[in-house]
Amino acid sequence: MGAKQTKEIKFEEALARLEKIVSEMESGDLQLDDMLKKFEEGRKLVQLCSAELESIRQRIEKVTRGDNPAEPPAVEPLDLIKT
């Protein structure tokens, strides 16, 4: 997976690919060179997922701040949020 492909992949796809890479690496069936390639791809996917999660966190904070951006965002424990 090249750099261009990594940036175009959706979060869910990146996470699924990362899980597959971990499984392949844990199997013990990979040669050292293949293991290194999987590790490098995995690092890129982790960075992509982390960046996406940070972006989502910032968007949530913006929404929960309301009209006063100087106030810290209102954060409630998940068990108090009603669905």
PDB file of N, CA and C in Angstrom:
ATOM      1  N   MET A   1       0.856  -1.175   0.000  1.00  0.00           N
ATOM      2  CA  MET A   1       0.000   0.000   0.000  1.00  0.00           C
ATOM      3  C   MET A   1       0.893   1.226   0.000  1.00  0.00           C
ATOM      4  N   GLY A   2       0.774   2.044  -1.040  1.00  0.00           N
ATOM      5  CA  GLY A   2       1.592   3.234  -1.140  1.00  0.00           C
ATOM      6  C   GLY A   2       1.041   4.378  -0.312  1.00  0.00           C
ATOM      7  N   ALA A   3       1.814   5.466  -0.257  1.00  0.00           N
ATOM      8  CA  ALA A   3       1.409   6.633   0.532  1.00  0.00           C
ATOM      9  C   ALA A   3       0.099   7.210   0.011  1.00  0.00           C
ATOM     10  N   LYS A   4      -0.066   7.264  -1.299  1.00  0.00           N
ATOM     11  CA  LYS A   4      -1.288   7.808  -1.874  1.00  0.00           C
ATOM     12  C   LYS A   4      -2.484   6.937  -1.493  1.00  0.00           C
ATOM     13  N   GLN A   5      -2.320   5.619  -1.571  1.00  0.00           N
ATOM     14  CA  GLN A   5      -3.404   4.712  -1.216  1.00  0.00           C
ATOM     15  C   GLN A   5      -3.763   4.841   0.256  1.00  0.00           C
ATOM     16  N   THR A   6      -2.778   4.989   1.118  1.00  0.00           N
ATOM     17  CA  THR A   6      -3.019   5.093   2.553  1.00  0.00           C
ATOM     18  C   THR A   6      -3.858   6.315   2.865  1.00  0.00           C
ATOM     19  N   LYS A   7      -3.626   7.450   2.197  1.00  0.00           N
ATOM     20  CA  LYS A   7      -4.361   8.680   2.473  1.00  0.00           C
ATOM     21  C   LYS A   7      -5.791   8.615   1.960  1.00  0.00           C
ATOM     22  N   GLU A   8      -6.063   7.775   0.971  1.00  0.00           N
ATOM     23  CA  GLU A   8      -7.391   7.700   0.384  1.00  0.00           C
ATOM     24  C   GLU A   8      -8.280   6.668   1.072  1.00  0.00           C
ATOM     25  N   ILE A   9      -7.741   5.875   1.959  1.00  0.00           N
ATOM     26  CA  ILE A   9      -8.485   4.815   2.599  1.00  0.00           C
ATOM     27  C   ILE A   9      -9.351   5.375   3.725  1.00  0.00           C
ATOM     28  N   LYS A  10     -10.543   4.819   3.914  1.00  0.00           N
ATOM     29  CA  LYS A  10     -11.437   5.251   4.973  1.00  0.00           C
ATOM     30  C   LYS A  10     -10.982   4.661   6.306  1.00  0.00           C
ATOM     31  N   PHE A  11     -11.400   5.312   7.394  1.00  0.00           N
ATOM     32  CA  PHE A  11     -10.994   4.889   8.731  1.00  0.00           C
ATOM     33  C   PHE A  11     -11.319   3.418   8.970  1.00  0.00           C
ATOM     34  N   GLU A  12     -12.527   3.012   8.669  1.00  0.00           N
ATOM     35  CA  GLU A  12     -12.943   1.637   8.916  1.00  0.00           C
ATOM     36  C   GLU A  12     -12.108   0.635   8.128  1.00  0.00           C
ATOM     37  N   GLU A  13     -11.790   1.001   6.888  1.00  0.00           N
ATOM     38  CA  GLU A  13     -10.951   0.138   6.054  1.00  0.00           C
ATOM     39  C   GLU A  13      -9.536   0.064   6.604  1.00  0.00           C
ATOM     40  N   ALA A  14      -9.026   1.201   7.060  1.00  0.00           N
ATOM     41  CA  ALA A  14      -7.677   1.240   7.628  1.00  0.00           C
ATOM     42  C   ALA A  14      -7.605   0.388   8.884  1.00  0.00           C
ATOM     43  N   LEU A  15      -8.625   0.477   9.725  1.00  0.00           N
ATOM     44  CA  LEU A  15      -8.651  -0.301  10.951  1.00  0.00           C
ATOM     45  C   LEU A  15      -8.734  -1.800  10.651  1.00  0.00           C
ATOM     46  N   ALA A  16      -9.566  -2.172   9.696  1.00  0.00           N
ATOM     47  CA  ALA A  16      -9.674  -3.585   9.307  1.00  0.00           C
ATOM     48  C   ALA A  16      -8.354  -4.093   8.744  1.00  0.00           C
ATOM     49  N   ARG A  17      -7.705  -3.278   7.931  1.00  0.00           N
ATOM     50  CA  ARG A  17      -6.409  -3.669   7.354  1.00  0.00           C
ATOM     51  C   ARG A  17      -5.367  -3.802   8.459  1.00  0.00           C
ATOM     52  N   LEU A  18      -5.397  -2.903   9.407  1.00  0.00           N
ATOM     53  CA  LEU A  18      -4.464  -2.954  10.527  1.00  0.00           C
ATOM     54  C   LEU A  18      -4.661  -4.231  11.342  1.00  0.00           C
ATOM     55  N   GLU A  19      -5.909  -4.593  11.585  1.00  0.00           N
ATOM     56  CA  GLU A  19      -6.195  -5.828  12.313  1.00  0.00           C
ATOM     57  C   GLU A  19      -5.669  -7.048  11.556  1.00  0.00           C
ATOM     58  N   LYS A  20      -5.804  -7.031  10.233  1.00  0.00           N
ATOM     59  CA  LYS A  20      -5.311  -8.141   9.411  1.00  0.00           C
ATOM     60  C   LYS A  20      -3.778  -8.208   9.481  1.00  0.00           C
ATOM     61  N   ILE A  21      -3.139  -7.064   9.425  1.00  0.00           N
ATOM     62  CA  ILE A  21      -1.670  -7.023   9.510  1.00  0.00           C
ATOM     63  C   ILE A  21      -1.200  -7.597  10.840  1.00  0.00           C
ATOM     64  N   VAL A  22      -1.847  -7.197  11.924  1.00  0.00           N
ATOM     65  CA  VAL A  22      -1.475  -7.701  13.246  1.00  0.00           C
ATOM     66  C   VAL A  22      -1.619  -9.215  13.287  1.00  0.00           C
ATOM     67  N   SER A  23      -2.719  -9.715  12.747  1.00  0.00           N
ATOM     68  CA  SER A  23      -2.956 -11.159  12.715  1.00  0.00           C
ATOM     69  C   SER A  23      -1.866 -11.873  11.917  1.00  0.00           C
ATOM     70  N   GLU A  24      -1.525 -11.322  10.763  1.00  0.00           N
ATOM     71  CA  GLU A  24      -0.478 -11.917   9.927  1.00  0.00           C
ATOM     72  C   GLU A  24       0.867 -11.915  10.647  1.00  0.00           C
ATOM     73  N   MET A  25       1.168 -10.817  11.331  1.00  0.00           N
ATOM     74  CA  MET A  25       2.449 -10.716  12.036  1.00  0.00           C
ATOM     75  C   MET A  25       2.497 -11.667  13.224  1.00  0.00           C
ATOM     76  N   GLU A  26       1.370 -11.835  13.909  1.00  0.00           N
ATOM     77  CA  GLU A  26       1.327 -12.721  15.065  1.00  0.00           C
ATOM     78  C   GLU A  26       1.370 -14.190  14.682  1.00  0.00           C
ATOM     79  N   SER A  27       1.030 -14.493  13.422  1.00  0.00           N
ATOM     80  CA  SER A  27       1.006 -15.891  12.987  1.00  0.00           C
ATOM     81  C   SER A  27       2.391 -16.531  13.004  1.00  0.00           C
ATOM     82  N   GLY A  28       3.403 -15.712  12.829  1.00  0.00           N
ATOM     83  CA  GLY A  28       4.766 -16.244  12.802  1.00  0.00           C
ATOM     84  C   GLY A  28       5.156 -16.861  11.472  1.00  0.00           C
ATOM     85  N   ASP A  29       4.312 -16.708  10.467  1.00  0.00           N
ATOM     86  CA  ASP A  29       4.574 -17.310   9.156  1.00  0.00           C
ATOM     87  C   ASP A  29       5.316 -16.394   8.189  1.00  0.00           C
ATOM     88  N   LEU A  30       5.584 -15.160   8.575  1.00  0.00           N
ATOM     89  CA  LEU A  30       6.212 -14.196   7.673  1.00  0.00           C
ATOM     90  C   LEU A  30       7.732 -14.233   7.779  1.00  0.00           C
ATOM     91  N   GLN A  31       8.366 -14.020   6.645  1.00  0.00           N
ATOM     92  CA  GLN A  31       9.813 -13.836   6.621  1.00  0.00           C
ATOM     93  C   GLN A  31      10.128 -12.458   7.185  1.00  0.00           C
ATOM     94  N   LEU A  32      11.354 -12.250   7.596  1.00  0.00           N
ATOM     95  CA  LEU A  32      11.749 -10.991   8.215  1.00  0.00           C
ATOM     96  C   LEU A  32      11.457  -9.793   7.310  1.00  0.00           C
ATOM     97  N   ASP A  33      11.767  -9.904   6.026  1.00  0.00           N
ATOM     98  CA  ASP A  33      11.534  -8.802   5.092  1.00  0.00           C
ATOM     99  C   ASP A  33      10.040  -8.478   4.989  1.00  0.00           C
ATOM    100  N   ASP A  34       9.209  -9.517   4.915  1.00  0.00           N
ATOM    101  CA  ASP A  34       7.766  -9.315   4.856  1.00  0.00           C
ATOM    102  C   ASP A  34       7.245  -8.714   6.158  1.00  0.00           C
ATOM    103  N   MET A  35       7.812  -9.161   7.274  1.00  0.00           N
ATOM    104  CA  MET A  35       7.421  -8.636   8.581  1.00  0.00           C
ATOM    105  C   MET A  35       7.699  -7.136   8.650  1.00  0.00           C
ATOM    106  N   LEU A  36       8.858  -6.723   8.142  1.00  0.00           N
ATOM    107  CA  LEU A  36       9.225  -5.308   8.143  1.00  0.00           C
ATOM    108  C   LEU A  36       8.273  -4.497   7.266  1.00  0.00           C
ATOM    109  N   LYS A  37       7.916  -5.037   6.104  1.00  0.00           N
ATOM    110  CA  LYS A  37       6.976  -4.343   5.220  1.00  0.00           C
ATOM    111  C   LYS A  37       5.612  -4.188   5.890  1.00  0.00           C
ATOM    112  N   LYS A  38       5.153  -5.231   6.553  1.00  0.00           N
ATOM    113  CA  LYS A  38       3.871  -5.170   7.261  1.00  0.00           C
ATOM    114  C   LYS A  38       3.944  -4.145   8.397  1.00  0.00           C
ATOM    115  N   PHE A  39       5.068  -4.124   9.098  1.00  0.00           N
ATOM    116  CA  PHE A  39       5.247  -3.166  10.186  1.00  0.00           C
ATOM    117  C   PHE A  39       5.171  -1.735   9.666  1.00  0.00           C
ATOM    118  N   GLU A  40       5.861  -1.471   8.552  1.00  0.00           N
ATOM    119  CA  GLU A  40       5.849  -0.128   7.968  1.00  0.00           C
ATOM    120  C   GLU A  40       4.439   0.271   7.529  1.00  0.00           C
ATOM    121  N   GLU A  41       3.737  -0.642   6.895  1.00  0.00           N
ATOM    122  CA  GLU A  41       2.366  -0.358   6.471  1.00  0.00           C
ATOM    123  C   GLU A  41       1.482  -0.119   7.695  1.00  0.00           C
ATOM    124  N   GLY A  42       1.667  -0.931   8.715  1.00  0.00           N
ATOM    125  CA  GLY A  42       0.899  -0.785   9.942  1.00  0.00           C
ATOM    126  C   GLY A  42       1.125   0.564  10.599  1.00  0.00           C
ATOM    127  N   ARG A  43       2.365   1.023  10.623  1.00  0.00           N
ATOM    128  CA  ARG A  43       2.663   2.342  11.217  1.00  0.00           C
ATOM    129  C   ARG A  43       1.929   3.452  10.461  1.00  0.00           C
ATOM    130  N   LYS A  44       1.911   3.367   9.137  1.00  0.00           N
ATOM    131  CA  LYS A  44       1.205   4.375   8.338  1.00  0.00           C
ATOM    132  C   LYS A  44      -0.288   4.345   8.641  1.00  0.00           C
ATOM    133  N   LEU A  45      -0.840   3.141   8.777  1.00  0.00           N
ATOM    134  CA  LEU A  45      -2.258   3.018   9.077  1.00  0.00           C
ATOM    135  C   LEU A  45      -2.584   3.550  10.470  1.00  0.00           C
ATOM    136  N   VAL A  46      -1.703   3.296  11.431  1.00  0.00           N
ATOM    137  CA  VAL A  46      -1.903   3.821  12.787  1.00  0.00           C
ATOM    138  C   VAL A  46      -1.896   5.347  12.752  1.00  0.00           C
ATOM    139  N   GLN A  47      -0.973   5.934  12.020  1.00  0.00           N
ATOM    140  CA  GLN A  47      -0.914   7.394  11.910  1.00  0.00           C
ATOM    141  C   GLN A  47      -2.183   7.938  11.269  1.00  0.00           C
ATOM    142  N   LEU A  48      -2.662   7.277  10.228  1.00  0.00           N
ATOM    143  CA  LEU A  48      -3.876   7.700   9.559  1.00  0.00           C
ATOM    144  C   LEU A  48      -5.070   7.618  10.508  1.00  0.00           C
ATOM    145  N   CYS A  49      -5.206   6.512  11.221  1.00  0.00           N
ATOM    146  CA  CYS A  49      -6.320   6.346  12.167  1.00  0.00           C
ATOM    147  C   CYS A  49      -6.230   7.366  13.298  1.00  0.00           C
ATOM    148  N   SER A  50      -5.047   7.585  13.818  1.00  0.00           N
ATOM    149  CA  SER A  50      -4.867   8.559  14.899  1.00  0.00           C
ATOM    150  C   SER A  50      -5.239   9.958  14.443  1.00  0.00           C
ATOM    151  N   ALA A  51      -4.826  10.332  13.248  1.00  0.00           N
ATOM    152  CA  ALA A  51      -5.152  11.655  12.715  1.00  0.00           C
ATOM    153  C   ALA A  51      -6.658  11.800  12.521  1.00  0.00           C
ATOM    154  N   GLU A  52      -7.304  10.764  12.037  1.00  0.00           N
ATOM    155  CA  GLU A  52      -8.752  10.815  11.836  1.00  0.00           C
ATOM    156  C   GLU A  52      -9.480  10.927  13.167  1.00  0.00           C
ATOM    157  N   LEU A  53      -9.049  10.167  14.162  1.00  0.00           N
ATOM    158  CA  LEU A  53      -9.674  10.247  15.486  1.00  0.00           C
ATOM    159  C   LEU A  53      -9.471  11.624  16.116  1.00  0.00           C
ATOM    160  N   GLU A  54      -8.306  12.206  15.935  1.00  0.00           N
ATOM    161  CA  GLU A  54      -8.042  13.550  16.464  1.00  0.00           C
ATOM    162  C   GLU A  54      -8.947  14.574  15.781  1.00  0.00           C
ATOM    163  N   SER A  55      -9.124  14.432  14.488  1.00  0.00           N
ATOM    164  CA  SER A  55     -10.000  15.334  13.749  1.00  0.00           C
ATOM    165  C   SER A  55     -11.439  15.224  14.261  1.00  0.00           C
ATOM    166  N   ILE A  56     -11.878  14.013  14.497  1.00  0.00           N
ATOM    167  CA  ILE A  56     -13.230  13.801  15.020  1.00  0.00           C
ATOM    168  C   ILE A  56     -13.352  14.377  16.424  1.00  0.00           C
ATOM    169  N   ARG A  57     -12.346  14.183  17.259  1.00  0.00           N
ATOM    170  CA  ARG A  57     -12.355  14.733  18.614  1.00  0.00           C
ATOM    171  C   ARG A  57     -12.506  16.249  18.570  1.00  0.00           C
ATOM    172  N   GLN A  58     -11.757  16.892  17.675  1.00  0.00           N
ATOM    173  CA  GLN A  58     -11.829  18.348  17.556  1.00  0.00           C
ATOM    174  C   GLN A  58     -13.201  18.807  17.078  1.00  0.00           C
ATOM    175  N   ARG A  59     -13.791  18.066  16.164  1.00  0.00           N
ATOM    176  CA  ARG A  59     -15.124  18.415  15.679  1.00  0.00           C
ATOM    177  C   ARG A  59     -16.156  18.281  16.797  1.00  0.00           C
ATOM    178  N   ILE A  60     -16.036  17.234  17.601  1.00  0.00           N
ATOM    179  CA  ILE A  60     -16.962  17.038  18.720  1.00  0.00           C
ATOM    180  C   ILE A  60     -16.810  18.166  19.724  1.00  0.00           C
ATOM    181  N   GLU A  61     -15.567  18.539  20.038  1.00  0.00           N
ATOM    182  CA  GLU A  61     -15.340  19.649  20.962  1.00  0.00           C
ATOM    183  C   GLU A  61     -15.957  20.935  20.437  1.00  0.00           C
ATOM    184  N   LYS A  62     -15.822  21.174  19.158  1.00  0.00           N
ATOM    185  CA  LYS A  62     -16.386  22.384  18.555  1.00  0.00           C
ATOM    186  C   LYS A  62     -17.900  22.400  18.713  1.00  0.00           C
ATOM    187  N   VAL A  63     -18.524  21.270  18.503  1.00  0.00           N
ATOM    188  CA  VAL A  63     -19.981  21.180  18.618  1.00  0.00           C
ATOM    189  C   VAL A  63     -20.416  21.335  20.069  1.00  0.00           C
ATOM    190  N   THR A  64     -19.705  20.721  20.997  1.00  0.00           N
ATOM    191  CA  THR A  64     -20.118  20.759  22.402  1.00  0.00           C
ATOM    192  C   THR A  64     -19.788  22.084  23.074  1.00  0.00           C
ATOM    193  N   ARG A  65     -18.935  22.892  22.481  1.00  0.00           N
ATOM    194  CA  ARG A  65     -18.616  24.205  23.042  1.00  0.00           C
ATOM    195  C   ARG A  65     -19.791  25.158  22.951  1.00  0.00           C
ATOM    196  N   GLY A  66     -20.574  24.994  21.937  1.00  0.00           N
ATOM    197  CA  GLY A  66     -21.721  25.882  21.762  1.00  0.00           C
ATOM    198  C   GLY A  66     -21.315  27.249  21.267  1.00  0.00           C
ATOM    199  N   ASP A  67     -21.951  28.265  21.831  1.00  0.00           N
ATOM    200  CA  ASP A  67     -21.763  29.635  21.359  1.00  0.00           C
ATOM    201  C   ASP A  67     -20.517  30.315  21.902  1.00  0.00           C
ATOM    202  N   ASN A  68     -19.904  29.765  22.934  1.00  0.00           N
ATOM    203  CA  ASN A  68     -18.757  30.425  23.552  1.00  0.00           C
ATOM    204  C   ASN A  68     -17.494  29.588  23.349  1.00  0.00           C
ATOM    205  N   PRO A  69     -16.710  29.885  22.316  1.00  0.00           N
ATOM    206  CA  PRO A  69     -15.503  29.100  22.050  1.00  0.00           C
ATOM    207  C   PRO A  69     -14.429  29.238  23.122  1.00  0.00           C
ATOM    208  N   ALA A  70     -14.559  30.240  24.018  1.00  0.00           N
ATOM    209  CA  ALA A  70     -13.569  30.406  25.084  1.00  0.00           C
ATOM    210  C   ALA A  70     -13.778  29.381  26.201  1.00  0.00           C
ATOM    211  N   GLU A  71     -14.990  28.881  26.323  1.00  0.00           N
ATOM    212  CA  GLU A  71     -15.274  27.884  27.352  1.00  0.00           C
ATOM    213  C   GLU A  71     -14.747  26.519  26.936  1.00  0.00           C
ATOM    214  N   PRO A  72     -14.301  25.750  27.921  1.00  0.00           N
ATOM    215  CA  PRO A  72     -13.916  24.377  27.569  1.00  0.00           C
ATOM    216  C   PRO A  72     -15.162  23.593  27.164  1.00  0.00           C
ATOM    217  N   PRO A  73     -15.005  22.565  26.343  1.00  0.00           N
ATOM    218  CA  PRO A  73     -16.172  21.809  25.904  1.00  0.00           C
ATOM    219  C   PRO A  73     -16.843  21.103  27.071  1.00  0.00           C
ATOM    220  N   ALA A  74     -18.146  20.972  26.987  1.00  0.00           N
ATOM    221  CA  ALA A  74     -18.888  20.229  27.997  1.00  0.00           C
ATOM    222  C   ALA A  74     -18.675  18.744  27.742  1.00  0.00           C
ATOM    223  N   VAL A  75     -18.111  18.062  28.703  1.00  0.00           N
ATOM    224  CA  VAL A  75     -17.834  16.643  28.557  1.00  0.00           C
ATOM    225  C   VAL A  75     -18.622  15.896  29.606  1.00  0.00           C
ATOM    226  N   GLU A  76     -19.350  14.882  29.153  1.00  0.00           N
ATOM    227  CA  GLU A  76     -20.139  14.073  30.064  1.00  0.00           C
ATOM    228  C   GLU A  76     -19.701  12.621  29.931  1.00  0.00           C
ATOM    229  N   PRO A  77     -19.733  11.876  31.029  1.00  0.00           N
ATOM    230  CA  PRO A  77     -19.427  10.446  30.924  1.00  0.00           C
ATOM    231  C   PRO A  77     -20.408   9.773  29.975  1.00  0.00           C
ATOM    232  N   LEU A  78     -19.946   8.785  29.259  1.00  0.00           N
ATOM    233  CA  LEU A  78     -20.792   8.113  28.280  1.00  0.00           C
ATOM    234  C   LEU A  78     -22.032   7.489  28.891  1.00  0.00           C
ATOM    235  N   ASP A  79     -21.961   7.012  30.116  1.00  0.00           N
ATOM    236  CA  ASP A  79     -23.111   6.360  30.709  1.00  0.00           C
ATOM    237  C   ASP A  79     -24.243   7.342  31.024  1.00  0.00           C
ATOM    238  N   LEU A  80     -23.974   8.647  30.994  1.00  0.00           N
ATOM    239  CA  LEU A  80     -25.002   9.649  31.230  1.00  0.00           C
ATOM    240  C   LEU A  80     -25.674  10.110  29.940  1.00  0.00           C
ATOM    241  N   ILE A  81     -25.096   9.767  28.830  1.00  0.00           N
ATOM    242  CA  ILE A  81     -25.653  10.185  27.545  1.00  0.00           C
ATOM    243  C   ILE A  81     -26.771   9.220  27.179  1.00  0.00           C
ATOM    244  N   LYS A  82     -27.953   9.774  26.922  1.00  0.00           N
ATOM    245  CA  LYS A  82     -29.109   8.952  26.585  1.00  0.00           C
ATOM    246  C   LYS A  82     -29.219   8.851  25.084  1.00  0.00           C
ATOM    247  N   THR A  83     -29.563   7.663  24.622  1.00  0.00           N
ATOM    248  CA  THR A  83     -29.708   7.459  23.177  1.00  0.00           C
ATOM    249  C   THR A  83     -31.144   7.447  22.765  1.00  0.00           C
TER     250      THR A  83
END
